[in-house]
Protein backbone atom coordinates (compact mmCIF):
# COMPACT_ATOMS: atom_id res chain seq x y z
CA MET A 1 35.73 -29.82 6.75
CA PHE A 2 32.73 -31.86 5.67
CA PRO A 3 33.16 -34.61 3.06
CA ASP A 4 29.62 -34.22 1.76
CA PHE A 5 26.92 -31.56 1.47
CA ASP A 6 24.59 -33.01 4.06
CA GLY A 7 27.12 -32.72 6.86
CA PHE A 8 27.59 -29.05 6.06
CA ALA A 9 23.89 -28.41 5.60
CA ARG A 10 23.02 -30.06 8.89
CA LEU A 11 25.46 -27.76 10.69
CA ARG A 12 24.07 -24.66 8.99
CA ALA A 13 20.50 -25.74 9.76
CA HIS A 14 21.29 -26.43 13.40
CA ASP A 15 21.64 -30.20 13.41
CA ARG A 16 18.35 -31.31 11.96
CA SER A 17 18.00 -35.09 11.65
CA TYR A 18 19.72 -36.73 8.66
CA ILE A 19 17.71 -37.37 5.50
CA GLU A 20 18.77 -38.93 2.22
CA PRO A 21 19.44 -36.32 -0.48
CA ASP A 22 16.08 -35.61 -2.07
CA VAL A 23 14.81 -32.53 -3.87
CA GLN A 24 11.54 -32.22 -1.99
CA ASP A 25 13.15 -32.88 1.39
CA TYR A 26 15.88 -30.31 0.83
CA LEU A 27 13.33 -27.80 -0.40
CA GLN A 28 11.22 -28.33 2.70
CA ARG A 29 14.24 -27.97 4.97
CA GLY A 30 15.18 -24.78 3.14
CA ILE A 31 11.70 -23.36 3.60
CA GLU A 32 11.79 -24.22 7.32
CA ALA A 33 15.13 -22.44 7.74
CA HIS A 34 13.74 -19.54 5.67
CA GLN A 35 10.70 -19.20 7.91
CA GLU A 36 12.96 -19.20 10.98
CA GLY A 37 14.97 -16.31 9.56
CA LYS A 38 18.08 -18.46 8.94
CA TRP A 39 18.63 -17.06 5.49
CA GLU A 40 22.13 -18.41 4.84
CA GLY A 41 21.16 -21.90 6.00
CA ALA A 42 18.14 -21.78 3.71
CA ILE A 43 20.37 -20.76 0.79
CA VAL A 44 22.49 -23.90 1.30
CA TYR A 45 19.44 -26.11 0.93
CA TYR A 46 18.11 -24.23 -2.09
CA ASP A 47 21.53 -24.51 -3.73
CA GLU A 48 21.34 -28.26 -3.35
CA VAL A 49 17.82 -28.45 -4.80
CA ILE A 50 18.98 -26.48 -7.84
CA SER A 51 22.08 -28.65 -8.33
CA LEU A 52 20.48 -32.06 -7.75
CA GLU A 53 17.85 -32.08 -10.49
CA PRO A 54 18.01 -29.10 -12.87
CA ASP A 55 14.99 -30.34 -14.83
CA ASN A 56 12.76 -30.95 -11.81
CA PRO A 57 9.52 -28.91 -11.91
CA THR A 58 10.28 -27.93 -8.30
CA LEU A 59 13.14 -25.80 -9.61
CA ALA A 60 11.12 -22.62 -10.14
CA GLU A 61 10.02 -22.66 -6.52
CA ALA A 62 13.60 -23.26 -5.37
CA TYR A 63 14.88 -20.32 -7.43
CA TYR A 64 12.06 -18.14 -6.09
CA TYR A 65 12.87 -18.89 -2.46
CA HIS A 66 16.61 -18.80 -3.14
CA ALA A 67 16.34 -15.27 -4.53
CA ASP A 68 14.19 -14.16 -1.61
CA ALA A 69 16.68 -15.59 0.89
CA TYR A 70 19.54 -13.78 -0.88
CA ARG A 71 17.59 -10.53 -0.74
CA LEU A 72 16.90 -10.92 2.96
CA ALA A 73 20.40 -12.10 3.85
CA TYR A 74 22.50 -9.69 1.80
CA GLY A 75 20.25 -6.81 0.74
CA VAL A 76 21.58 -4.60 -2.03
CA ASP A 77 24.94 -6.40 -1.97
CA LYS A 78 23.40 -9.25 -3.99
CA VAL A 79 20.72 -7.36 -5.88
CA ASP A 80 21.99 -8.34 -9.34
CA GLU A 81 22.12 -12.01 -8.36
CA VAL A 82 18.57 -11.75 -7.02
CA ILE A 83 17.30 -10.26 -10.28
CA THR A 84 19.08 -12.97 -12.27
CA GLU A 85 17.31 -15.63 -10.26
CA TYR A 86 13.93 -13.99 -10.68
CA ASN A 87 14.69 -13.97 -14.40
CA THR A 88 15.06 -17.74 -14.16
CA VAL A 89 11.81 -18.06 -12.20
CA ILE A 90 10.02 -16.14 -14.96
CA GLU A 91 11.62 -18.28 -17.68
CA LEU A 92 10.46 -21.43 -15.90
CA GLU A 93 6.98 -20.11 -15.03
CA PRO A 94 6.18 -17.24 -17.43
CA ASP A 95 2.50 -17.27 -16.50
CA ASN A 96 3.07 -17.06 -12.74
CA PRO A 97 2.69 -13.45 -11.52
CA ARG A 98 4.79 -13.91 -8.39
CA GLY A 99 8.09 -13.87 -10.30
CA TYR A 100 7.18 -10.53 -11.89
CA GLU A 101 6.04 -9.17 -8.54
CA ARG A 102 9.32 -10.02 -6.79
CA ARG A 103 11.51 -8.87 -9.67
CA GLY A 104 9.54 -5.62 -9.86
CA PHE A 105 10.00 -5.14 -6.12
CA THR A 106 13.75 -5.71 -6.51
CA TYR A 107 14.02 -3.31 -9.43
CA LEU A 108 12.16 -0.65 -7.47
CA PHE A 109 13.71 -0.94 -4.02
CA GLY A 110 17.02 -2.60 -4.82
CA LYS A 111 18.11 -0.66 -7.89
CA GLY A 112 15.74 2.30 -8.19
CA GLU A 113 14.78 1.15 -11.69
CA ILE A 114 11.21 2.44 -11.57
CA ASP A 115 10.33 1.94 -15.24
CA LEU A 116 11.50 -1.69 -15.18
CA ALA A 117 9.45 -2.23 -12.03
CA ILE A 118 6.38 -0.77 -13.74
CA GLU A 119 6.89 -3.14 -16.69
CA ASP A 120 6.86 -6.10 -14.31
CA TYR A 121 3.77 -4.82 -12.53
CA ASP A 122 2.13 -4.36 -15.94
CA LYS A 123 2.72 -8.07 -16.53
CA MET A 124 1.35 -8.94 -13.09
CA ILE A 125 -1.85 -7.09 -13.92
CA GLU A 126 -2.06 -8.70 -17.34
CA LEU A 127 -1.87 -12.15 -15.71
CA GLU A 128 -4.19 -11.31 -12.79
CA PRO A 129 -6.38 -8.35 -13.79
CA TYR A 130 -8.71 -8.80 -10.82
CA ALA A 131 -6.01 -9.01 -8.14
CA ALA A 132 -5.55 -5.81 -6.15
CA GLU A 133 -1.85 -6.34 -5.40
CA GLY A 134 -0.60 -5.60 -8.92
CA TYR A 135 -2.38 -2.26 -9.03
CA ALA A 136 -1.15 -1.35 -5.55
CA ARG A 137 2.44 -2.25 -6.45
CA ARG A 138 2.31 -0.28 -9.69
CA GLY A 139 0.63 2.63 -7.92
CA PHE A 140 3.55 2.85 -5.50
CA ALA A 141 5.99 2.79 -8.41
CA TYR A 142 4.12 5.62 -10.15
CA LEU A 143 4.07 7.54 -6.85
CA SER A 144 7.85 7.06 -6.55
CA LYS A 145 8.21 8.42 -10.07
CA GLY A 146 6.08 11.47 -9.31
CA GLU A 147 3.31 10.45 -11.71
CA ILE A 148 0.59 11.25 -9.22
CA ASP A 149 -2.51 10.87 -11.41
CA TRP A 150 -1.43 7.40 -12.57
CA ALA A 151 -0.71 6.44 -8.96
CA ILE A 152 -4.17 7.57 -7.84
CA GLN A 153 -5.77 5.64 -10.68
CA ASP A 154 -3.98 2.43 -9.70
CA TYR A 155 -4.72 2.80 -6.00
CA THR A 156 -8.36 3.43 -6.85
CA TRP A 157 -8.46 0.14 -8.77
CA ALA A 158 -6.72 -1.65 -5.90
CA ILE A 159 -9.28 -0.28 -3.43
CA ARG A 160 -12.19 -1.32 -5.64
CA LEU A 161 -10.82 -4.86 -5.75
CA ASP A 162 -9.87 -4.98 -2.06
CA PRO A 163 -11.70 -2.26 -0.13
CA ASN A 164 -10.37 -3.41 3.26
CA ASN A 165 -6.66 -2.80 2.69
CA ALA A 166 -5.73 0.16 4.88
CA THR A 167 -2.31 0.62 3.27
CA ASP A 168 -3.84 1.43 -0.10
CA TYR A 169 -5.94 4.20 1.43
CA THR A 170 -2.85 5.56 3.20
CA ASN A 171 -0.84 5.60 0.00
CA ARG A 172 -3.63 7.11 -2.06
CA ALA A 173 -4.04 9.78 0.62
CA GLY A 174 -0.36 10.61 0.19
CA ALA A 175 -0.90 10.95 -3.56
CA TYR A 176 -3.90 13.23 -3.01
CA LEU A 177 -1.79 15.30 -0.63
CA ASP A 178 0.90 15.67 -3.30
CA ARG A 179 -1.84 16.97 -5.60
CA TRP A 180 -3.12 19.31 -2.86
CA ASP A 181 -6.49 17.55 -2.78
CA PHE A 182 -6.70 17.95 0.98
CA ASP A 183 -10.32 16.89 1.50
CA LEU A 184 -9.77 13.66 -0.44
CA ALA A 185 -6.59 13.00 1.55
CA ILE A 186 -8.53 13.47 4.81
CA ASN A 187 -11.18 11.01 3.61
CA ASP A 188 -8.60 8.34 2.81
CA TYR A 189 -6.65 8.75 6.05
CA THR A 190 -9.95 8.53 7.91
CA LYS A 191 -10.82 5.28 6.13
CA ALA A 192 -7.36 3.88 6.86
CA ILE A 193 -7.88 4.72 10.54
CA GLU A 194 -11.26 2.98 10.54
CA LEU A 195 -9.61 -0.15 9.13
CA LYS A 196 -6.50 -0.02 11.37
CA PRO A 197 -7.31 2.15 14.38
CA ASP A 198 -4.07 1.26 16.19
CA ASP A 199 -1.78 2.38 13.34
CA ASN A 200 -0.42 5.65 14.73
CA ILE A 201 1.09 6.95 11.49
CA ASN A 202 -2.30 7.65 9.89
CA TYR A 203 -3.29 9.93 12.76
CA HIS A 204 -0.06 11.85 12.36
CA CYS A 205 -0.46 12.14 8.59
CA ARG A 206 -4.06 13.27 8.91
CA GLY A 207 -2.95 15.82 11.49
CA LEU A 208 -0.53 17.28 8.97
CA VAL A 209 -3.36 17.66 6.46
CA TRP A 210 -5.49 19.40 9.10
CA LEU A 211 -2.63 21.89 9.46
CA ARG A 212 -2.83 22.75 5.78
CA LEU A 213 -6.56 23.32 6.24
CA GLN A 214 -5.83 25.41 9.37
CA ASP A 215 -8.11 23.15 11.42
CA TRP A 216 -6.03 23.44 14.57
CA GLU A 217 -8.24 21.48 16.95
CA ASN A 218 -8.49 18.40 14.74
CA ALA A 219 -4.74 18.61 14.11
CA LYS A 220 -3.97 18.68 17.85
CA THR A 221 -6.34 15.78 18.48
CA ASP A 222 -4.70 13.64 15.81
CA PHE A 223 -1.16 14.49 16.94
CA ALA A 224 -2.05 13.66 20.53
CA THR A 225 -3.63 10.36 19.45
CA ALA A 226 -0.56 9.43 17.42
CA GLN A 227 1.64 10.23 20.43
CA ASN A 228 -0.56 8.21 22.79
CA LYS A 229 -0.36 5.25 20.41
CA GLY A 230 3.42 5.25 20.59
CA LEU A 231 4.61 7.56 17.79
CA ASP A 232 7.23 10.12 18.79
CA ILE A 233 6.13 13.14 16.75
CA THR A 234 8.42 15.65 18.44
CA ASN A 235 11.26 15.34 15.94
CA PHE A 236 9.06 15.76 12.87
CA VAL A 237 9.91 19.35 11.93
CA HIS A 238 13.63 18.93 12.60
CA ASP A 239 13.90 15.62 10.73
CA HIS A 240 12.02 16.75 7.63
CA TYR A 241 12.37 20.53 7.44
CA GLU A 242 15.11 21.56 9.92
CA THR A 243 13.19 24.62 11.12
CA VAL A 244 9.62 25.64 11.84
CA GLU A 245 9.98 28.48 9.35
CA LYS A 246 10.84 26.10 6.50
CA PHE A 247 7.92 23.87 7.45
CA GLU A 248 5.52 26.82 7.46
CA GLU A 249 6.86 27.93 4.10
CA GLU A 250 6.36 24.46 2.66
CA ILE A 251 2.73 24.18 3.74
CA GLY A 252 1.89 27.87 3.26
CA VAL A 253 0.53 28.27 6.78
CA GLU A 254 1.70 30.06 9.94
CA LEU A 255 1.31 27.64 12.83
CA PRO A 256 -0.03 28.39 16.31
CA GLU A 257 2.61 28.19 19.03
CA ASP A 258 0.96 25.27 20.85
CA ILE A 259 1.12 23.12 17.69
CA VAL A 260 4.74 24.10 17.10
CA GLU A 261 5.49 22.88 20.62
CA MET A 262 3.88 19.51 19.82
CA LEU A 263 5.99 18.99 16.72
CA ILE A 264 9.48 19.95 17.88
CA LYS A 265 11.54 18.53 20.71
CA LYS A 266 12.74 21.02 23.27
């Protein structure tokens, strides 16, 4: 239909003005399409960057964005292609932690390869030992693997390096909860709420810990706050445990009727 690439690319990128084929220009146009959520249009531009000048130092960036666009456009359908491209990014820039971070993310969430993800996060930390993100990423991988103590250790390092990241407190609280360290879980959910007071999920999670401690009033307050901030908590028992009895068995506590009424939809 189109005799040359630029005609096709201009259609896919919604008729942007013509430019002579140039690596930097195509990369910029790809990034613009990427930022606008036009993943397939962005892929067309990144393809052209990669094909025009294979030895250009821009290539690592093009592969990085190309893989990210594939992940966003096609999800798990293209997960192997995404990993292959992150392999190329790492070959081109072996000392850049971002390639390891994205490949680790893809291993973890795209393929469920937790150990391979941890290896990539190990490399991230080796390259940037004072960056909180690597520890937080690896902590989540350990948490997914059920290695709770290692997860807590990594989240603790992440929090020391970046004490204002609410998500790390939330995730560490979940790890403490898995270890039945209820007071420590309460402390972390409370800190997460201080940092992000409008995030309704932390109120709900803290409410569930209050239930385990049989602190009914604090539990009801947190559930009500979560509900007022837009979280529908009334399907919780059904979605996660099917029945109130199974939920009570799981947490080892018999719940008051008024709390049961808050947690199940009538």
